[in-house]
């Protein structure tokens, strides 16, 4: 469970960095209050967790979508997990907090547990 949380937190960090460093036609700039744009849009990210979730796994493709109203959906690449659904909020300039919940499925395909990521 802890490995999944570390993985998803790493994915969120990569998503925010990808947003700020993306090759958009218009450069990202701060608004009049000095705040940078919120993370909006969908991102495909390669996550390289510090703690591998399984032997031999060094990279995981993660897909995340940040909605302008604060919604967030992310897939962590595990076939046994659902999408993580949640919200993001700005907590400072270039700083965002994310909370999401997902389902973990057992071999029979039934829900066996839930996971929460912050």
PDB file of N, CA and C in Angstrom:
ATOM      1  N   UNK A   1       0.832  -1.192   0.000  1.00  0.00           N
ATOM      2  CA  UNK A   1       0.000   0.000   0.000  1.00  0.00           C
ATOM      3  C   UNK A   1       0.872   1.251   0.000  1.00  0.00           C
ATOM      4  N   UNK A   2       1.911   1.273   0.832  1.00  0.00           N
ATOM      5  CA  UNK A   2       2.774   2.446   0.926  1.00  0.00           C
ATOM      6  C   UNK A   2       3.504   2.687  -0.389  1.00  0.00           C
ATOM      7  N   UNK A   3       3.878   1.611  -1.086  1.00  0.00           N
ATOM      8  CA  UNK A   3       4.572   1.748  -2.361  1.00  0.00           C
ATOM      9  C   UNK A   3       3.679   2.441  -3.385  1.00  0.00           C
ATOM     10  N   UNK A   4       2.383   2.123  -3.376  1.00  0.00           N
ATOM     11  CA  UNK A   4       1.458   2.758  -4.315  1.00  0.00           C
ATOM     12  C   UNK A   4       1.326   4.244  -4.018  1.00  0.00           C
ATOM     13  N   UNK A   5       1.316   4.598  -2.739  1.00  0.00           N
ATOM     14  CA  UNK A   5       1.204   6.003  -2.364  1.00  0.00           C
ATOM     15  C   UNK A   5       2.435   6.762  -2.828  1.00  0.00           C
ATOM     16  N   UNK A   6       3.619   6.181  -2.604  1.00  0.00           N
ATOM     17  CA  UNK A   6       4.865   6.812  -3.056  1.00  0.00           C
ATOM     18  C   UNK A   6       4.843   6.969  -4.568  1.00  0.00           C
ATOM     19  N   UNK A   7       4.391   5.941  -5.272  1.00  0.00           N
ATOM     20  CA  UNK A   7       4.327   5.979  -6.721  1.00  0.00           C
ATOM     21  C   UNK A   7       3.400   7.074  -7.217  1.00  0.00           C
ATOM     22  N   UNK A   8       2.211   7.174  -6.644  1.00  0.00           N
ATOM     23  CA  UNK A   8       1.264   8.183  -7.099  1.00  0.00           C
ATOM     24  C   UNK A   8       1.712   9.597  -6.728  1.00  0.00           C
ATOM     25  N   UNK A   9       2.348   9.759  -5.584  1.00  0.00           N
ATOM     26  CA  UNK A   9       2.887  11.077  -5.230  1.00  0.00           C
ATOM     27  C   UNK A   9       3.981  11.484  -6.203  1.00  0.00           C
ATOM     28  N   UNK A  10       4.811  10.528  -6.593  1.00  0.00           N
ATOM     29  CA  UNK A  10       5.845  10.813  -7.587  1.00  0.00           C
ATOM     30  C   UNK A  10       5.206  11.193  -8.920  1.00  0.00           C
ATOM     31  N   UNK A  11       4.102  10.526  -9.267  1.00  0.00           N
ATOM     32  CA  UNK A  11       3.404  10.836 -10.518  1.00  0.00           C
ATOM     33  C   UNK A  11       2.852  12.258 -10.494  1.00  0.00           C
ATOM     34  N   UNK A  12       2.300  12.658  -9.366  1.00  0.00           N
ATOM     35  CA  UNK A  12       1.762  14.021  -9.254  1.00  0.00           C
ATOM     36  C   UNK A  12       2.885  15.039  -9.398  1.00  0.00           C
ATOM     37  N   UNK A  13       4.007  14.790  -8.743  1.00  0.00           N
ATOM     38  CA  UNK A  13       5.143  15.717  -8.846  1.00  0.00           C
ATOM     39  C   UNK A  13       5.622  15.824 -10.288  1.00  0.00           C
ATOM     40  N   UNK A  14       5.702  14.692 -10.971  1.00  0.00           N
ATOM     41  CA  UNK A  14       6.126  14.701 -12.369  1.00  0.00           C
ATOM     42  C   UNK A  14       5.112  15.448 -13.232  1.00  0.00           C
ATOM     43  N   UNK A  15       3.825  15.272 -12.954  1.00  0.00           N
ATOM     44  CA  UNK A  15       2.788  15.955 -13.730  1.00  0.00           C
ATOM     45  C   UNK A  15       2.896  17.464 -13.595  1.00  0.00           C
ATOM     46  N   UNK A  16       3.095  17.934 -12.390  1.00  0.00           N
ATOM     47  CA  UNK A  16       3.212  19.377 -12.179  1.00  0.00           C
ATOM     48  C   UNK A  16       4.466  19.911 -12.862  1.00  0.00           C
ATOM     49  N   UNK A  17       5.565  19.179 -12.754  1.00  0.00           N
ATOM     50  CA  UNK A  17       6.789  19.599 -13.440  1.00  0.00           C
ATOM     51  C   UNK A  17       6.607  19.579 -14.955  1.00  0.00           C
ATOM     52  N   UNK A  18       5.913  18.564 -15.456  1.00  0.00           N
ATOM     53  CA  UNK A  18       5.660  18.492 -16.896  1.00  0.00           C
ATOM     54  C   UNK A  18       4.828  19.676 -17.364  1.00  0.00           C
ATOM     55  N   UNK A  19       3.863  20.083 -16.559  1.00  0.00           N
ATOM     56  CA  UNK A  19       3.046  21.245 -16.891  1.00  0.00           C
ATOM     57  C   UNK A  19       3.907  22.492 -17.002  1.00  0.00           C
ATOM     58  N   UNK A  20       4.762  22.693 -16.024  1.00  0.00           N
ATOM     59  CA  UNK A  20       5.572  23.905 -16.004  1.00  0.00           C
ATOM     60  C   UNK A  20       6.654  23.905 -17.079  1.00  0.00           C
ATOM     61  N   UNK A  21       7.081  22.712 -17.502  1.00  0.00           N
ATOM     62  CA  UNK A  21       8.152  22.631 -18.492  1.00  0.00           C
ATOM     63  C   UNK A  21       7.654  22.211 -19.870  1.00  0.00           C
ATOM     64  N   UNK A  22       6.341  22.145 -20.061  1.00  0.00           N
ATOM     65  CA  UNK A  22       5.796  21.667 -21.330  1.00  0.00           C
ATOM     66  C   UNK A  22       6.137  22.609 -22.476  1.00  0.00           C
ATOM     67  N   UNK A  23       6.215  22.035 -23.656  1.00  0.00           N
ATOM     68  CA  UNK A  23       6.537  22.824 -24.841  1.00  0.00           C
ATOM     69  C   UNK A  23       5.304  23.457 -25.444  1.00  0.00           C
ATOM     70  N   UNK A  24       4.677  24.358 -24.755  1.00  0.00           N
ATOM     71  CA  UNK A  24       3.501  25.046 -25.265  1.00  0.00           C
ATOM     72  C   UNK A  24       3.939  26.187 -26.177  1.00  0.00           C
ATOM     73  N   UNK A  25       3.056  26.573 -27.104  1.00  0.00           N
ATOM     74  CA  UNK A  25       3.390  27.662 -28.015  1.00  0.00           C
ATOM     75  C   UNK A  25       3.472  28.996 -27.278  1.00  0.00           C
ATOM     76  N   UNK A  26       2.744  29.125 -26.198  1.00  0.00           N
ATOM     77  CA  UNK A  26       2.786  30.341 -25.390  1.00  0.00           C
ATOM     78  C   UNK A  26       3.508  30.019 -24.087  1.00  0.00           C
ATOM     79  N   UNK A  27       4.574  30.728 -23.766  1.00  0.00           N
ATOM     80  CA  UNK A  27       5.309  30.403 -22.538  1.00  0.00           C
ATOM     81  C   UNK A  27       4.448  30.612 -21.302  1.00  0.00           C
ATOM     82  N   UNK A  28       4.676  29.765 -20.300  1.00  0.00           N
ATOM     83  CA  UNK A  28       3.967  29.921 -19.029  1.00  0.00           C
ATOM     84  C   UNK A  28       4.527  31.132 -18.299  1.00  0.00           C
ATOM     85  N   UNK A  29       3.641  31.971 -17.821  1.00  0.00           N
ATOM     86  CA  UNK A  29       4.057  33.144 -17.056  1.00  0.00           C
ATOM     87  C   UNK A  29       3.150  33.303 -15.852  1.00  0.00           C
ATOM     88  N   UNK A  30       3.656  33.943 -14.849  1.00  0.00           N
ATOM     89  CA  UNK A  30       2.871  34.191 -13.645  1.00  0.00           C
ATOM     90  C   UNK A  30       1.841  35.273 -13.916  1.00  0.00           C
ATOM     91  N   UNK A  31       0.726  35.244 -13.182  1.00  0.00           N
ATOM     92  CA  UNK A  31      -0.292  36.278 -13.320  1.00  0.00           C
ATOM     93  C   UNK A  31       0.116  37.522 -12.523  1.00  0.00           C
ATOM     94  N   UNK A  32      -0.775  38.493 -12.432  1.00  0.00           N
ATOM     95  CA  UNK A  32      -0.463  39.750 -11.753  1.00  0.00           C
ATOM     96  C   UNK A  32      -0.140  39.553 -10.274  1.00  0.00           C
ATOM     97  N   UNK A  33      -0.709  38.496  -9.668  1.00  0.00           N
ATOM     98  CA  UNK A  33      -0.437  38.211  -8.259  1.00  0.00           C
ATOM     99  C   UNK A  33       0.826  37.380  -8.071  1.00  0.00           C
ATOM    100  N   UNK A  34       1.499  37.034  -9.171  1.00  0.00           N
ATOM    101  CA  UNK A  34       2.721  36.246  -9.087  1.00  0.00           C
ATOM    102  C   UNK A  34       2.491  34.747  -9.030  1.00  0.00           C
ATOM    103  N   UNK A  35       1.251  34.308  -9.240  1.00  0.00           N
ATOM    104  CA  UNK A  35       0.956  32.876  -9.211  1.00  0.00           C
ATOM    105  C   UNK A  35       1.117  32.281 -10.602  1.00  0.00           C
ATOM    106  N   UNK A  36       1.628  31.066 -10.650  1.00  0.00           N
ATOM    107  CA  UNK A  36       1.776  30.351 -11.909  1.00  0.00           C
ATOM    108  C   UNK A  36       0.479  29.632 -12.235  1.00  0.00           C
ATOM    109  N   UNK A  37       0.279  29.244 -13.505  1.00  0.00           N
ATOM    110  CA  UNK A  37      -0.961  28.572 -13.902  1.00  0.00           C
ATOM    111  C   UNK A  37      -1.190  27.282 -13.111  1.00  0.00           C
ATOM    112  N   UNK A  38      -2.452  26.940 -12.964  1.00  0.00           N
ATOM    113  CA  UNK A  38      -2.817  25.691 -12.300  1.00  0.00           C
ATOM    114  C   UNK A  38      -2.571  24.525 -13.252  1.00  0.00           C
ATOM    115  N   UNK A  39      -2.348  23.331 -12.714  1.00  0.00           N
ATOM    116  CA  UNK A  39      -2.139  22.170 -13.589  1.00  0.00           C
ATOM    117  C   UNK A  39      -3.455  21.758 -14.232  1.00  0.00           C
ATOM    118  N   UNK A  40      -3.604  22.001 -15.512  1.00  0.00           N
ATOM    119  CA  UNK A  40      -4.818  21.650 -16.237  1.00  0.00           C
ATOM    120  C   UNK A  40      -4.437  20.871 -17.473  1.00  0.00           C
ATOM    121  N   UNK A  41      -5.198  19.821 -17.757  1.00  0.00           N
ATOM    122  CA  UNK A  41      -4.946  19.023 -18.942  1.00  0.00           C
ATOM    123  C   UNK A  41      -4.549  17.603 -18.588  1.00  0.00           C
ATOM    124  N   UNK A  42      -4.254  16.834 -19.624  1.00  0.00           N
ATOM    125  CA  UNK A  42      -3.870  15.436 -19.450  1.00  0.00           C
ATOM    126  C   UNK A  42      -2.403  15.263 -19.759  1.00  0.00           C
ATOM    127  N   UNK A  43      -1.777  14.378 -18.999  1.00  0.00           N
ATOM    128  CA  UNK A  43      -0.339  14.186 -19.112  1.00  0.00           C
ATOM    129  C   UNK A  43      -0.003  12.705 -19.101  1.00  0.00           C
ATOM    130  N   UNK A  44       0.871  12.295 -19.992  1.00  0.00           N
ATOM    131  CA  UNK A  44       1.454  10.952 -19.967  1.00  0.00           C
ATOM    132  C   UNK A  44       2.833  11.114 -19.353  1.00  0.00           C
ATOM    133  N   UNK A  45       3.086  10.356 -18.294  1.00  0.00           N
ATOM    134  CA  UNK A  45       4.331  10.525 -17.554  1.00  0.00           C
ATOM    135  C   UNK A  45       5.029   9.186 -17.373  1.00  0.00           C
ATOM    136  N   UNK A  46       6.342   9.216 -17.396  1.00  0.00           N
ATOM    137  CA  UNK A  46       7.124   8.052 -17.011  1.00  0.00           C
ATOM    138  C   UNK A  46       7.530   8.270 -15.558  1.00  0.00           C
ATOM    139  N   UNK A  47       7.086   7.389 -14.683  1.00  0.00           N
ATOM    140  CA  UNK A  47       7.385   7.486 -13.258  1.00  0.00           C
ATOM    141  C   UNK A  47       8.502   6.502 -12.938  1.00  0.00           C
ATOM    142  N   UNK A  48       9.537   6.992 -12.270  1.00  0.00           N
ATOM    143  CA  UNK A  48      10.645   6.149 -11.830  1.00  0.00           C
ATOM    144  C   UNK A  48      10.661   6.173 -10.306  1.00  0.00           C
ATOM    145  N   UNK A  49       9.911   5.239  -9.677  1.00  0.00           N
ATOM    146  CA  UNK A  49       9.792   5.278  -8.217  1.00  0.00           C
ATOM    147  C   UNK A  49      11.101   4.945  -7.518  1.00  0.00           C
ATOM    148  N   UNK A  50      11.318   5.575  -6.356  1.00  0.00           N
ATOM    149  CA  UNK A  50      12.480   5.263  -5.530  1.00  0.00           C
ATOM    150  C   UNK A  50      12.380   3.846  -4.973  1.00  0.00           C
ATOM    151  N   UNK A  51      11.153   3.430  -4.678  1.00  0.00           N
ATOM    152  CA  UNK A  51      10.910   2.083  -4.168  1.00  0.00           C
ATOM    153  C   UNK A  51      10.117   1.336  -5.238  1.00  0.00           C
ATOM    154  N   UNK A  52      10.744   0.391  -5.968  1.00  0.00           N
ATOM    155  CA  UNK A  52      10.012  -0.331  -7.021  1.00  0.00           C
ATOM    156  C   UNK A  52       8.804  -1.075  -6.454  1.00  0.00           C
ATOM    157  N   UNK A  53       7.660  -1.005  -7.149  1.00  0.00           N
ATOM    158  CA  UNK A  53       6.449  -1.672  -6.665  1.00  0.00           C
ATOM    159  C   UNK A  53       6.500  -3.188  -6.815  1.00  0.00           C
ATOM    160  N   UNK A  54       7.363  -3.682  -7.699  1.00  0.00           N
ATOM    161  CA  UNK A  54       7.523  -5.124  -7.916  1.00  0.00           C
ATOM    162  C   UNK A  54       8.936  -5.375  -8.435  1.00  0.00           C
ATOM    163  N   UNK A  55       9.467  -6.571  -8.234  1.00  0.00           N
ATOM    164  CA  UNK A  55      10.811  -6.865  -8.727  1.00  0.00           C
ATOM    165  C   UNK A  55      10.928  -6.634 -10.227  1.00  0.00           C
ATOM    166  N   UNK A  56      11.967  -5.948 -10.640  1.00  0.00           N
ATOM    167  CA  UNK A  56      12.208  -5.694 -12.056  1.00  0.00           C
ATOM    168  C   UNK A  56      11.467  -4.506 -12.639  1.00  0.00           C
ATOM    169  N   UNK A  57      10.588  -3.866 -11.867  1.00  0.00           N
ATOM    170  CA  UNK A  57       9.837  -2.711 -12.365  1.00  0.00           C
ATOM    171  C   UNK A  57      10.621  -1.448 -12.010  1.00  0.00           C
ATOM    172  N   UNK A  58      11.152  -0.771 -13.028  1.00  0.00           N
ATOM    173  CA  UNK A  58      11.918   0.452 -12.789  1.00  0.00           C
ATOM    174  C   UNK A  58      11.207   1.689 -13.316  1.00  0.00           C
ATOM    175  N   UNK A  59      10.302   1.501 -14.281  1.00  0.00           N
ATOM    176  CA  UNK A  59       9.551   2.625 -14.848  1.00  0.00           C
ATOM    177  C   UNK A  59       8.095   2.219 -15.019  1.00  0.00           C
ATOM    178  N   UNK A  60       7.199   3.182 -14.823  1.00  0.00           N
ATOM    179  CA  UNK A  60       5.767   2.935 -14.985  1.00  0.00           C
ATOM    180  C   UNK A  60       5.173   4.098 -15.764  1.00  0.00           C
ATOM    181  N   UNK A  61       4.380   3.786 -16.778  1.00  0.00           N
ATOM    182  CA  UNK A  61       3.655   4.822 -17.504  1.00  0.00           C
ATOM    183  C   UNK A  61       2.434   5.200 -16.690  1.00  0.00           C
ATOM    184  N   UNK A  62       2.269   6.476 -16.414  1.00  0.00           N
ATOM    185  CA  UNK A  62       1.141   6.968 -15.629  1.00  0.00           C
ATOM    186  C   UNK A  62       0.412   8.010 -16.460  1.00  0.00           C
ATOM    187  N   UNK A  63      -0.905   7.947 -16.453  1.00  0.00           N
ATOM    188  CA  UNK A  63      -1.734   8.928 -17.144  1.00  0.00           C
ATOM    189  C   UNK A  63      -2.539   9.693 -16.106  1.00  0.00           C
ATOM    190  N   UNK A  64      -2.506  11.011 -16.173  1.00  0.00           N
ATOM    191  CA  UNK A  64      -3.236  11.833 -15.202  1.00  0.00           C
ATOM    192  C   UNK A  64      -3.931  12.977 -15.915  1.00  0.00           C
ATOM    193  N   UNK A  65      -5.106  13.337 -15.410  1.00  0.00           N
ATOM    194  CA  UNK A  65      -5.850  14.478 -15.938  1.00  0.00           C
ATOM    195  C   UNK A  65      -6.199  15.403 -14.787  1.00  0.00           C
ATOM    196  N   UNK A  66      -5.788  16.669 -14.927  1.00  0.00           N
ATOM    197  CA  UNK A  66      -6.077  17.713 -13.946  1.00  0.00           C
ATOM    198  C   UNK A  66      -7.143  18.618 -14.540  1.00  0.00           C
ATOM    199  N   UNK A  67      -8.318  18.690 -13.907  1.00  0.00           N
ATOM    200  CA  UNK A  67      -9.410  19.522 -14.395  1.00  0.00           C
ATOM    201  C   UNK A  67      -9.296  20.938 -13.826  1.00  0.00           C
ATOM    202  N   UNK A  68      -9.749  21.957 -14.584  1.00  0.00           N
ATOM    203  CA  UNK A  68      -9.653  23.342 -14.119  1.00  0.00           C
ATOM    204  C   UNK A  68     -10.402  23.599 -12.812  1.00  0.00           C
ATOM    205  N   UNK A  69     -11.458  22.818 -12.550  1.00  0.00           N
ATOM    206  CA  UNK A  69     -12.248  23.034 -11.328  1.00  0.00           C
ATOM    207  C   UNK A  69     -11.682  22.307 -10.115  1.00  0.00           C
ATOM    208  N   UNK A  70     -10.537  21.654 -10.262  1.00  0.00           N
ATOM    209  CA  UNK A  70      -9.909  20.976  -9.141  1.00  0.00           C
ATOM    210  C   UNK A  70     -10.057  19.468  -9.139  1.00  0.00           C
ATOM    211  N   UNK A  71     -10.720  18.895 -10.122  1.00  0.00           N
ATOM    212  CA  UNK A  71     -10.831  17.436 -10.198  1.00  0.00           C
ATOM    213  C   UNK A  71      -9.533  16.817 -10.706  1.00  0.00           C
ATOM    214  N   UNK A  72      -9.302  15.574 -10.334  1.00  0.00           N
ATOM    215  CA  UNK A  72      -8.079  14.884 -10.736  1.00  0.00           C
ATOM    216  C   UNK A  72      -8.369  13.402 -10.891  1.00  0.00           C
ATOM    217  N   UNK A  73      -7.907  12.806 -11.993  1.00  0.00           N
ATOM    218  CA  UNK A  73      -8.033  11.378 -12.247  1.00  0.00           C
ATOM    219  C   UNK A  73      -6.664  10.883 -12.691  1.00  0.00           C
ATOM    220  N   UNK A  74      -6.241   9.736 -12.148  1.00  0.00           N
ATOM    221  CA  UNK A  74      -4.922   9.210 -12.484  1.00  0.00           C
ATOM    222  C   UNK A  74      -4.958   7.700 -12.544  1.00  0.00           C
ATOM    223  N   UNK A  75      -4.224   7.134 -13.492  1.00  0.00           N
ATOM    224  CA  UNK A  75      -4.045   5.683 -13.542  1.00  0.00           C
ATOM    225  C   UNK A  75      -2.602   5.385 -13.173  1.00  0.00           C
ATOM    226  N   UNK A  76      -2.414   4.354 -12.346  1.00  0.00           N
ATOM    227  CA  UNK A  76      -1.065   4.063 -11.880  1.00  0.00           C
ATOM    228  C   UNK A  76      -0.409   2.892 -12.595  1.00  0.00           C
ATOM    229  N   UNK A  77      -1.073   2.292 -13.548  1.00  0.00           N
ATOM    230  CA  UNK A  77      -0.465   1.230 -14.328  1.00  0.00           C
ATOM    231  C   UNK A  77      -0.640  -0.176 -13.763  1.00  0.00           C
ATOM    232  N   UNK A  78      -1.226  -0.310 -12.583  1.00  0.00           N
ATOM    233  CA  UNK A  78      -1.460  -1.637 -12.020  1.00  0.00           C
ATOM    234  C   UNK A  78      -2.772  -2.193 -12.546  1.00  0.00           C
ATOM    235  N   UNK A  79      -2.745  -3.394 -13.078  1.00  0.00           N
ATOM    236  CA  UNK A  79      -3.968  -4.001 -13.598  1.00  0.00           C
ATOM    237  C   UNK A  79      -4.963  -4.294 -12.475  1.00  0.00           C
ATOM    238  N   UNK A  80      -4.466  -4.386 -11.253  1.00  0.00           N
ATOM    239  CA  UNK A  80      -5.335  -4.699 -10.116  1.00  0.00           C
ATOM    240  C   UNK A  80      -5.942  -3.456  -9.475  1.00  0.00           C
ATOM    241  N   UNK A  81      -5.652  -2.266  -9.998  1.00  0.00           N
ATOM    242  CA  UNK A  81      -6.156  -1.027  -9.408  1.00  0.00           C
ATOM    243  C   UNK A  81      -7.063  -0.284 -10.381  1.00  0.00           C
ATOM    244  N   UNK A  82      -8.056   0.401  -9.822  1.00  0.00           N
ATOM    245  CA  UNK A  82      -8.892   1.282 -10.630  1.00  0.00           C
ATOM    246  C   UNK A  82      -8.170   2.615 -10.817  1.00  0.00           C
ATOM    247  N   UNK A  83      -8.802   3.509 -11.530  1.00  0.00           N
ATOM    248  CA  UNK A  83      -8.310   4.880 -11.564  1.00  0.00           C
ATOM    249  C   UNK A  83      -8.413   5.469 -10.168  1.00  0.00           C
ATOM    250  N   UNK A  84      -7.556   6.422  -9.863  1.00  0.00           N
ATOM    251  CA  UNK A  84      -7.668   7.169  -8.609  1.00  0.00           C
ATOM    252  C   UNK A  84      -8.450   8.438  -8.930  1.00  0.00           C
ATOM    253  N   UNK A  85      -9.499   8.712  -8.176  1.00  0.00           N
ATOM    254  CA  UNK A  85     -10.360   9.877  -8.376  1.00  0.00           C
ATOM    255  C   UNK A  85     -10.200  10.807  -7.186  1.00  0.00           C
ATOM    256  N   UNK A  86     -10.055  12.094  -7.450  1.00  0.00           N
ATOM    257  CA  UNK A  86      -9.924  13.015  -6.334  1.00  0.00           C
ATOM    258  C   UNK A  86      -9.893  14.461  -6.762  1.00  0.00           C
ATOM    259  N   UNK A  87      -9.282  15.281  -5.926  1.00  0.00           N
ATOM    260  CA  UNK A  87      -9.224  16.718  -6.145  1.00  0.00           C
ATOM    261  C   UNK A  87      -7.828  17.245  -5.887  1.00  0.00           C
ATOM    262  N   UNK A  88      -7.514  18.377  -6.519  1.00  0.00           N
ATOM    263  CA  UNK A  88      -6.275  19.096  -6.243  1.00  0.00           C
ATOM    264  C   UNK A  88      -6.634  20.517  -5.844  1.00  0.00           C
ATOM    265  N   UNK A  89      -5.804  21.135  -5.019  1.00  0.00           N
ATOM    266  CA  UNK A  89      -5.967  22.532  -4.627  1.00  0.00           C
ATOM    267  C   UNK A  89      -4.597  23.197  -4.618  1.00  0.00           C
ATOM    268  N   UNK A  90      -4.595  24.476  -4.890  1.00  0.00           N
ATOM    269  CA  UNK A  90      -3.357  25.246  -4.805  1.00  0.00           C
ATOM    270  C   UNK A  90      -3.085  25.545  -3.332  1.00  0.00           C
ATOM    271  N   UNK A  91      -1.877  25.266  -2.877  1.00  0.00           N
ATOM    272  CA  UNK A  91      -1.512  25.574  -1.492  1.00  0.00           C
ATOM    273  C   UNK A  91      -0.408  26.627  -1.433  1.00  0.00           C
ATOM    274  N   UNK A  92       0.062  27.060  -2.584  1.00  0.00           N
ATOM    275  CA  UNK A  92       1.095  28.079  -2.664  1.00  0.00           C
ATOM    276  C   UNK A  92       1.493  28.264  -4.110  1.00  0.00           C
ATOM    277  N   UNK A  93       2.416  29.175  -4.360  1.00  0.00           N
ATOM    278  CA  UNK A  93       2.894  29.394  -5.716  1.00  0.00           C
ATOM    279  C   UNK A  93       3.688  28.167  -6.162  1.00  0.00           C
ATOM    280  N   UNK A  94       3.242  27.533  -7.239  1.00  0.00           N
ATOM    281  CA  UNK A  94       3.839  26.313  -7.772  1.00  0.00           C
ATOM    282  C   UNK A  94       3.714  25.134  -6.813  1.00  0.00           C
ATOM    283  N   UNK A  95       2.790  25.180  -5.889  1.00  0.00           N
ATOM    284  CA  UNK A  95       2.579  24.093  -4.938  1.00  0.00           C
ATOM    285  C   UNK A  95       1.104  23.702  -4.930  1.00  0.00           C
ATOM    286  N   UNK A  96       0.868  22.391  -5.011  1.00  0.00           N
ATOM    287  CA  UNK A  96      -0.486  21.865  -5.072  1.00  0.00           C
ATOM    288  C   UNK A  96      -0.592  20.638  -4.187  1.00  0.00           C
ATOM    289  N   UNK A  97      -1.746  20.450  -3.560  1.00  0.00           N
ATOM    290  CA  UNK A  97      -2.016  19.258  -2.760  1.00  0.00           C
ATOM    291  C   UNK A  97      -3.059  18.428  -3.503  1.00  0.00           C
ATOM    292  N   UNK A  98      -2.888  17.113  -3.476  1.00  0.00           N
ATOM    293  CA  UNK A  98      -3.787  16.202  -4.166  1.00  0.00           C
ATOM    294  C   UNK A  98      -4.254  15.131  -3.184  1.00  0.00           C
ATOM    295  N   UNK A  99      -5.537  14.820  -3.232  1.00  0.00           N
ATOM    296  CA  UNK A  99      -6.081  13.687  -2.495  1.00  0.00           C
ATOM    297  C   UNK A  99      -6.944  12.893  -3.464  1.00  0.00           C
ATOM    298  N   UNK A 100      -6.739  11.588  -3.494  1.00  0.00           N
ATOM    299  CA  UNK A 100      -7.507  10.733  -4.395  1.00  0.00           C
ATOM    300  C   UNK A 100      -7.749   9.379  -3.749  1.00  0.00           C
ATOM    301  N   UNK A 101      -8.817   8.704  -4.197  1.00  0.00           N
ATOM    302  CA  UNK A 101      -9.188   7.385  -3.703  1.00  0.00           C
ATOM    303  C   UNK A 101      -9.390   6.461  -4.899  1.00  0.00           C
ATOM    304  N   UNK A 102      -8.980   5.205  -4.743  1.00  0.00           N
ATOM    305  CA  UNK A 102      -9.156   4.206  -5.794  1.00  0.00           C
ATOM    306  C   UNK A 102      -9.505   2.855  -5.200  1.00  0.00           C
ATOM    307  N   UNK A 103      -9.760   1.889  -6.066  1.00  0.00           N
ATOM    308  CA  UNK A 103     -10.124   0.538  -5.654  1.00  0.00           C
ATOM    309  C   UNK A 103      -9.039  -0.446  -6.081  1.00  0.00           C
ATOM    310  N   UNK A 104      -8.786  -1.456  -5.253  1.00  0.00           N
ATOM    311  CA  UNK A 104      -7.876  -2.544  -5.596  1.00  0.00           C
ATOM    312  C   UNK A 104      -8.698  -3.819  -5.736  1.00  0.00           C
ATOM    313  N   UNK A 105      -8.438  -4.548  -6.827  1.00  0.00           N
ATOM    314  CA  UNK A 105      -9.220  -5.743  -7.132  1.00  0.00           C
ATOM    315  C   UNK A 105      -8.407  -7.003  -6.861  1.00  0.00           C
ATOM    316  N   UNK A 106      -9.090  -8.047  -6.415  1.00  0.00           N
ATOM    317  CA  UNK A 106      -8.457  -9.337  -6.172  1.00  0.00           C
ATOM    318  C   UNK A 106      -8.462 -10.192  -7.417  1.00  0.00           C
ATOM    319  N   UNK A 107      -7.943 -11.414  -7.327  1.00  0.00           N
ATOM    320  CA  UNK A 107      -7.876 -12.313  -8.484  1.00  0.00           C
ATOM    321  C   UNK A 107      -9.236 -12.611  -9.107  1.00  0.00           C
ATOM    322  N   UNK A 108     -10.305 -12.582  -8.303  1.00  0.00           N
ATOM    323  CA  UNK A 108     -11.648 -12.866  -8.827  1.00  0.00           C
ATOM    324  C   UNK A 108     -12.258 -11.658  -9.532  1.00  0.00           C
ATOM    325  N   UNK A 109     -11.587 -10.490  -9.414  1.00  0.00           N
ATOM    326  CA  UNK A 109     -12.114  -9.281 -10.030  1.00  0.00           C
ATOM    327  C   UNK A 109     -12.967  -8.441  -9.107  1.00  0.00           C
ATOM    328  N   UNK A 110     -13.213  -8.916  -7.899  1.00  0.00           N
ATOM    329  CA  UNK A 110     -14.004  -8.162  -6.924  1.00  0.00           C
ATOM    330  C   UNK A 110     -13.124  -7.195  -6.156  1.00  0.00           C
ATOM    331  N   UNK A 111     -13.720  -6.116  -5.670  1.00  0.00           N
ATOM    332  CA  UNK A 111     -13.004  -5.136  -4.883  1.00  0.00           C
ATOM    333  C   UNK A 111     -12.568  -5.768  -3.569  1.00  0.00           C
ATOM    334  N   UNK A 112     -11.270  -5.684  -3.280  1.00  0.00           N
ATOM    335  CA  UNK A 112     -10.736  -6.233  -2.031  1.00  0.00           C
ATOM    336  C   UNK A 112     -10.314  -5.135  -1.060  1.00  0.00           C
ATOM    337  N   UNK A 113      -9.974  -3.954  -1.599  1.00  0.00           N
ATOM    338  CA  UNK A 113      -9.492  -2.880  -0.731  1.00  0.00           C
ATOM    339  C   UNK A 113      -9.641  -1.555  -1.462  1.00  0.00           C
ATOM    340  N   UNK A 114      -9.514  -0.495  -0.707  1.00  0.00           N
ATOM    341  CA  UNK A 114      -9.443   0.844  -1.287  1.00  0.00           C
ATOM    342  C   UNK A 114      -8.080   1.429  -0.936  1.00  0.00           C
ATOM    343  N   UNK A 115      -7.648   2.400  -1.731  1.00  0.00           N
ATOM    344  CA  UNK A 115      -6.418   3.106  -1.389  1.00  0.00           C
ATOM    345  C   UNK A 115      -6.649   4.597  -1.486  1.00  0.00           C
ATOM    346  N   UNK A 116      -5.966   5.340  -0.657  1.00  0.00           N
ATOM    347  CA  UNK A 116      -6.080   6.791  -0.619  1.00  0.00           C
ATOM    348  C   UNK A 116      -4.685   7.380  -0.794  1.00  0.00           C
ATOM    349  N   UNK A 117      -4.588   8.361  -1.662  1.00  0.00           N
ATOM    350  CA  UNK A 117      -3.304   8.995  -1.960  1.00  0.00           C
ATOM    351  C   UNK A 117      -3.396  10.459  -1.593  1.00  0.00           C
ATOM    352  N   UNK A 118      -2.377  10.958  -0.917  1.00  0.00           N
ATOM    353  CA  UNK A 118      -2.296  12.387  -0.607  1.00  0.00           C
ATOM    354  C   UNK A 118      -0.943  12.882  -1.008  1.00  0.00           C
TER     355      UNK A 118
END
